C-alpha atoms as a PDB file:
ATOM      1  CA  UNK A   1       0.000   0.000   0.000  1.00  0.00           C
ATOM      2  CA  UNK A   2       2.742   2.450   0.979  1.00  0.00           C
ATOM      3  CA  UNK A   3       4.696   1.521  -2.148  1.00  0.00           C
ATOM      4  CA  UNK A   4       1.722   2.361  -4.387  1.00  0.00           C
ATOM      5  CA  UNK A   5       1.240   5.699  -2.624  1.00  0.00           C
ATOM      6  CA  UNK A   6       4.966   6.395  -2.939  1.00  0.00           C
ATOM      7  CA  UNK A   7       4.917   5.824  -6.710  1.00  0.00           C
ATOM      8  CA  UNK A   8       1.748   7.861  -7.152  1.00  0.00           C
ATOM      9  CA  UNK A   9       3.190  10.761  -5.163  1.00  0.00           C
ATOM     10  CA  UNK A  10       6.451  10.523  -7.094  1.00  0.00           C
ATOM     11  CA  UNK A  11       4.525  10.722 -10.369  1.00  0.00           C
ATOM     12  CA  UNK A  12       2.656  13.796  -9.108  1.00  0.00           C
ATOM     13  CA  UNK A  13       5.950  15.412  -8.060  1.00  0.00           C
ATOM     14  CA  UNK A  14       7.623  14.720 -11.413  1.00  0.00           C
ATOM     15  CA  UNK A  15       4.607  15.899 -13.415  1.00  0.00           C
ATOM     16  CA  UNK A  16       4.255  19.078 -11.335  1.00  0.00           C
ATOM     17  CA  UNK A  17       7.967  19.805 -11.706  1.00  0.00           C
ATOM     18  CA  UNK A  18       7.863  19.363 -15.484  1.00  0.00           C
ATOM     19  CA  UNK A  19       4.785  21.600 -15.674  1.00  0.00           C
ATOM     20  CA  UNK A  20       6.535  24.192 -13.507  1.00  0.00           C
ATOM     21  CA  UNK A  21       9.556  24.279 -15.798  1.00  0.00           C
ATOM     22  CA  UNK A  22       7.522  24.498 -19.002  1.00  0.00           C
ATOM     23  CA  UNK A  23       5.098  27.270 -17.951  1.00  0.00           C
ATOM     24  CA  UNK A  24       5.692  30.666 -19.537  1.00  0.00           C
ATOM     25  CA  UNK A  25       3.728  32.483 -16.866  1.00  0.00           C
ATOM     26  CA  UNK A  26       5.507  32.938 -13.519  1.00  0.00           C
ATOM     27  CA  UNK A  27       2.352  32.528 -11.431  1.00  0.00           C
ATOM     28  CA  UNK A  28       1.409  29.273 -13.172  1.00  0.00           C
ATOM     29  CA  UNK A  29       4.910  27.956 -12.608  1.00  0.00           C
ATOM     30  CA  UNK A  30       4.644  28.991  -8.963  1.00  0.00           C
ATOM     31  CA  UNK A  31       1.438  26.990  -8.514  1.00  0.00           C
ATOM     32  CA  UNK A  32       3.064  23.870  -9.918  1.00  0.00           C
ATOM     33  CA  UNK A  33       6.178  24.453  -7.794  1.00  0.00           C
ATOM     34  CA  UNK A  34       4.024  24.552  -4.661  1.00  0.00           C
ATOM     35  CA  UNK A  35       2.438  21.243  -5.662  1.00  0.00           C
ATOM     36  CA  UNK A  36       5.844  19.731  -6.336  1.00  0.00           C
ATOM     37  CA  UNK A  37       7.044  20.775  -2.873  1.00  0.00           C
ATOM     38  CA  UNK A  38       3.883  19.407  -1.243  1.00  0.00           C
ATOM     39  CA  UNK A  39       4.427  16.099  -3.044  1.00  0.00           C
ATOM     40  CA  UNK A  40       8.011  16.012  -1.744  1.00  0.00           C
ATOM     41  CA  UNK A  41       6.602  16.522   1.760  1.00  0.00           C
ATOM     42  CA  UNK A  42       4.260  13.554   1.299  1.00  0.00           C
ATOM     43  CA  UNK A  43       7.190  11.437   0.090  1.00  0.00           C
ATOM     44  CA  UNK A  44       9.178  12.363   3.210  1.00  0.00           C
ATOM     45  CA  UNK A  45       6.155  11.407   5.321  1.00  0.00           C
ATOM     46  CA  UNK A  46       5.838   8.050   3.570  1.00  0.00           C
ATOM     47  CA  UNK A  47       9.529   7.338   4.183  1.00  0.00           C
ATOM     48  CA  UNK A  48       9.166   7.997   7.919  1.00  0.00           C
ATOM     49  CA  UNK A  49      10.863  11.401   7.998  1.00  0.00           C
ATOM     50  CA  UNK A  50       7.916  13.153   9.629  1.00  0.00           C
ATOM     51  CA  UNK A  51       9.861  16.180  10.796  1.00  0.00           C
ATOM     52  CA  UNK A  52      11.410  16.669   7.347  1.00  0.00           C
ATOM     53  CA  UNK A  53       7.908  16.456   5.834  1.00  0.00           C
ATOM     54  CA  UNK A  54       6.630  19.168   8.159  1.00  0.00           C
ATOM     55  CA  UNK A  55       9.658  21.358   7.430  1.00  0.00           C
ATOM     56  CA  UNK A  56       9.143  20.860   3.679  1.00  0.00           C
ATOM     57  CA  UNK A  57       5.552  22.045   3.882  1.00  0.00           C
ATOM     58  CA  UNK A  58       6.037  24.898   6.342  1.00  0.00           C
ATOM     59  CA  UNK A  59       9.322  26.326   5.109  1.00  0.00           C
ATOM     60  CA  UNK A  60       9.373  25.607   1.391  1.00  0.00           C
ATOM     61  CA  UNK A  61       5.724  25.351   0.355  1.00  0.00           C
ATOM     62  CA  UNK A  62       4.760  28.061   2.842  1.00  0.00           C
ATOM     63  CA  UNK A  63       7.330  30.691   3.668  1.00  0.00           C
ATOM     64  CA  UNK A  64       9.533  30.672   0.573  1.00  0.00           C
ATOM     65  CA  UNK A  65       6.516  30.615  -1.743  1.00  0.00           C
ATOM     66  CA  UNK A  66       5.203  33.720   0.032  1.00  0.00           C
ATOM     67  CA  UNK A  67       8.524  35.428  -0.716  1.00  0.00           C
ATOM     68  CA  UNK A  68       8.187  34.425  -4.389  1.00  0.00           C
ATOM     69  CA  UNK A  69       4.663  35.863  -4.500  1.00  0.00           C
ATOM     70  CA  UNK A  70       5.936  39.115  -2.980  1.00  0.00           C
ATOM     71  CA  UNK A  71       8.690  39.318  -5.595  1.00  0.00           C
ATOM     72  CA  UNK A  72       6.157  38.788  -8.376  1.00  0.00           C
ATOM     73  CA  UNK A  73       3.990  41.501  -6.826  1.00  0.00           C
ATOM     74  CA  UNK A  74       6.971  43.861  -6.550  1.00  0.00           C
ATOM     75  CA  UNK A  75       7.795  43.311 -10.215  1.00  0.00           C
ATOM     76  CA  UNK A  76       4.245  44.281 -11.173  1.00  0.00           C
ATOM     77  CA  UNK A  77       4.437  46.473 -14.249  1.00  0.00           C
ATOM     78  CA  UNK A  78       1.263  48.491 -13.988  1.00  0.00           C
ATOM     79  CA  UNK A  79      -2.044  48.508 -15.818  1.00  0.00           C
ATOM     80  CA  UNK A  80      -1.252  45.870 -18.462  1.00  0.00           C
ATOM     81  CA  UNK A  81      -0.623  43.246 -15.791  1.00  0.00           C
ATOM     82  CA  UNK A  82      -4.013  43.877 -14.189  1.00  0.00           C
ATOM     83  CA  UNK A  83      -5.714  42.680 -17.374  1.00  0.00           C
ATOM     84  CA  UNK A  84      -3.382  39.701 -17.479  1.00  0.00           C
ATOM     85  CA  UNK A  85      -4.157  38.836 -13.839  1.00  0.00           C
ATOM     86  CA  UNK A  86      -7.872  38.775 -14.644  1.00  0.00           C
ATOM     87  CA  UNK A  87      -7.155  36.093 -17.240  1.00  0.00           C
ATOM     88  CA  UNK A  88      -5.427  33.995 -14.560  1.00  0.00           C
ATOM     89  CA  UNK A  89      -8.693  33.704 -12.649  1.00  0.00           C
ATOM     90  CA  UNK A  90     -10.387  31.663 -15.363  1.00  0.00           C
ATOM     91  CA  UNK A  91     -11.308  28.119 -14.256  1.00  0.00           C
ATOM     92  CA  UNK A  92      -9.335  26.374 -17.015  1.00  0.00           C
ATOM     93  CA  UNK A  93      -6.041  27.560 -15.560  1.00  0.00           C
ATOM     94  CA  UNK A  94      -6.729  26.001 -12.156  1.00  0.00           C
ATOM     95  CA  UNK A  95      -7.766  22.527 -13.376  1.00  0.00           C
ATOM     96  CA  UNK A  96      -4.244  21.006 -13.522  1.00  0.00           C
ATOM     97  CA  UNK A  97      -3.005  22.204 -10.112  1.00  0.00           C
ATOM     98  CA  UNK A  98      -6.389  21.423  -8.541  1.00  0.00           C
ATOM     99  CA  UNK A  99      -6.374  17.815  -9.763  1.00  0.00           C
ATOM    100  CA  UNK A 100      -2.830  17.243  -8.496  1.00  0.00           C
ATOM    101  CA  UNK A 101      -3.696  18.815  -5.129  1.00  0.00           C
ATOM    102  CA  UNK A 102      -6.794  16.593  -4.836  1.00  0.00           C
ATOM    103  CA  UNK A 103      -4.646  13.501  -5.496  1.00  0.00           C
ATOM    104  CA  UNK A 104      -2.207  14.522  -2.749  1.00  0.00           C
ATOM    105  CA  UNK A 105      -5.064  15.303  -0.336  1.00  0.00           C
ATOM    106  CA  UNK A 106      -6.695  11.925  -1.025  1.00  0.00           C
ATOM    107  CA  UNK A 107      -3.379  10.161  -0.371  1.00  0.00           C
ATOM    108  CA  UNK A 108      -2.856  11.955   2.931  1.00  0.00           C
ATOM    109  CA  UNK A 109      -6.433  11.219   4.038  1.00  0.00           C
ATOM    110  CA  UNK A 110      -5.959   7.563   3.111  1.00  0.00           C
ATOM    111  CA  UNK A 111      -2.748   7.390   5.148  1.00  0.00           C
ATOM    112  CA  UNK A 112      -4.339   9.095   8.153  1.00  0.00           C
ATOM    113  CA  UNK A 113      -7.578   7.061   8.089  1.00  0.00           C
ATOM    114  CA  UNK A 114      -5.824   3.713   7.680  1.00  0.00           C
ATOM    115  CA  UNK A 115      -3.388   4.553  10.502  1.00  0.00           C
ATOM    116  CA  UNK A 116      -0.646   3.272   8.252  1.00  0.00           C
ATOM    117  CA  UNK A 117       2.782   4.348   9.417  1.00  0.00           C
ATOM    118  CA  UNK A 118       5.818   4.259   7.227  1.00  0.00           C
ATOM    119  CA  UNK A 119       6.979   0.702   6.769  1.00  0.00           C
ATOM    120  CA  UNK A 120      10.492   1.633   5.752  1.00  0.00           C
ATOM    121  CA  UNK A 121      13.055   4.203   6.779  1.00  0.00           C
ATOM    122  CA  UNK A 122      13.570   5.493  10.276  1.00  0.00           C
ATOM    123  CA  UNK A 123      12.107   8.446  12.131  1.00  0.00           C
ATOM    124  CA  UNK A 124      14.180  11.639  12.098  1.00  0.00           C
ATOM    125  CA  UNK A 125      13.633  13.785  15.174  1.00  0.00           C
ATOM    126  CA  UNK A 126      13.855  17.548  15.491  1.00  0.00           C
ATOM    127  CA  UNK A 127      16.929  17.152  17.714  1.00  0.00           C
ATOM    128  CA  UNK A 128      18.779  15.197  15.015  1.00  0.00           C
ATOM    129  CA  UNK A 129      17.957  17.859  12.410  1.00  0.00           C
ATOM    130  CA  UNK A 130      19.099  20.644  14.751  1.00  0.00           C
ATOM    131  CA  UNK A 131      22.360  18.893  15.552  1.00  0.00           C
ATOM    132  CA  UNK A 132      23.044  18.373  11.839  1.00  0.00           C
ATOM    133  CA  UNK A 133      22.154  21.951  10.872  1.00  0.00           C
ATOM    134  CA  UNK A 134      24.197  23.587  13.627  1.00  0.00           C
ATOM    135  CA  UNK A 135      26.994  21.046  13.560  1.00  0.00           C
ATOM    136  CA  UNK A 136      28.678  19.902  10.360  1.00  0.00           C
ATOM    137  CA  UNK A 137      26.303  21.857   8.072  1.00  0.00           C
ATOM    138  CA  UNK A 138      26.487  25.227   9.847  1.00  0.00           C
ATOM    139  CA  UNK A 139      28.470  26.849   7.039  1.00  0.00           C
ATOM    140  CA  UNK A 140      26.014  25.610   4.381  1.00  0.00           C
ATOM    141  CA  UNK A 141      23.039  26.935   6.373  1.00  0.00           C
ATOM    142  CA  UNK A 142      24.655  30.354   6.768  1.00  0.00           C
ATOM    143  CA  UNK A 143      25.593  30.503   3.076  1.00  0.00           C
ATOM    144  CA  UNK A 144      22.014  29.638   2.088  1.00  0.00           C
ATOM    145  CA  UNK A 145      20.645  32.395   4.325  1.00  0.00           C
ATOM    146  CA  UNK A 146      23.038  34.926   2.773  1.00  0.00           C
ATOM    147  CA  UNK A 147      21.985  33.792  -0.707  1.00  0.00           C
ATOM    148  CA  UNK A 148      18.303  34.295   0.148  1.00  0.00           C
ATOM    149  CA  UNK A 149      19.050  37.735   1.585  1.00  0.00           C
ATOM    150  CA  UNK A 150      21.001  38.699  -1.554  1.00  0.00           C
ATOM    151  CA  UNK A 151      18.065  37.596  -3.725  1.00  0.00           C
ATOM    152  CA  UNK A 152      15.646  39.707  -1.708  1.00  0.00           C
ATOM    153  CA  UNK A 153      17.888  42.790  -1.871  1.00  0.00           C
ATOM    154  CA  UNK A 154      18.397  42.227  -5.611  1.00  0.00           C
ATOM    155  CA  UNK A 155      14.634  42.014  -6.202  1.00  0.00           C
ATOM    156  CA  UNK A 156      14.141  45.256  -4.302  1.00  0.00           C
ATOM    157  CA  UNK A 157      16.782  47.061  -6.348  1.00  0.00           C
ATOM    158  CA  UNK A 158      15.356  45.694  -9.605  1.00  0.00           C
ATOM    159  CA  UNK A 159      11.953  47.185  -8.795  1.00  0.00           C
ATOM    160  CA  UNK A 160      13.219  50.500  -7.452  1.00  0.00           C
ATOM    161  CA  UNK A 161      13.186  52.197 -10.913  1.00  0.00           C
ATOM    162  CA  UNK A 162       9.597  51.014 -11.398  1.00  0.00           C
ATOM    163  CA  UNK A 163       8.548  52.745  -8.191  1.00  0.00           C
ATOM    164  CA  UNK A 164      10.159  56.004  -9.340  1.00  0.00           C
ATOM    165  CA  UNK A 165       8.385  55.970 -12.722  1.00  0.00           C
ATOM    166  CA  UNK A 166       5.040  55.219 -11.064  1.00  0.00           C
ATOM    167  CA  UNK A 167       5.525  58.167  -8.696  1.00  0.00           C
ATOM    168  CA  UNK A 168       6.447  60.462 -11.612  1.00  0.00           C
ATOM    169  CA  UNK A 169       3.349  59.365 -13.549  1.00  0.00           C
ATOM    170  CA  UNK A 170       1.180  60.091 -10.514  1.00  0.00           C
ATOM    171  CA  UNK A 171       2.576  63.620 -10.132  1.00  0.00           C
ATOM    172  CA  UNK A 172       1.951  64.633 -13.748  1.00  0.00           C
END
């Protein structure tokens, strides 16, 4: 049973990742990226890494996706994007991500209702993750945080000229 769910979740993750890479629209790609990260969280759960699954959902599918949405909002280019955003609200655009999300939800409900724990792997505790992150991987964690900060500062400086032109248009 767990093996079937693992393969199904892996297929959802691969399909969502391919769809994310091939989308021309940043918001559509973002939706598929969120689904890919949620599928990775389900895979961690199925393998017995419950804490890693929770971190995957909270940190990646939650917090980092919010930062991506803010960057997309900061790069908003005015009136022409408002018309484009209205097109994004059409039901046809949401069918693919919705179907994949329903598959993942059904899998998680099936796992919870059946009381089926992971049959393979071993449980990773929060203490083990903390020791690894602040032990041998401390330098990698700090470098990743600096990289994220540099990306945020870069996005701000990329949009700064847009703010100036919007203010000048408002004054005239």
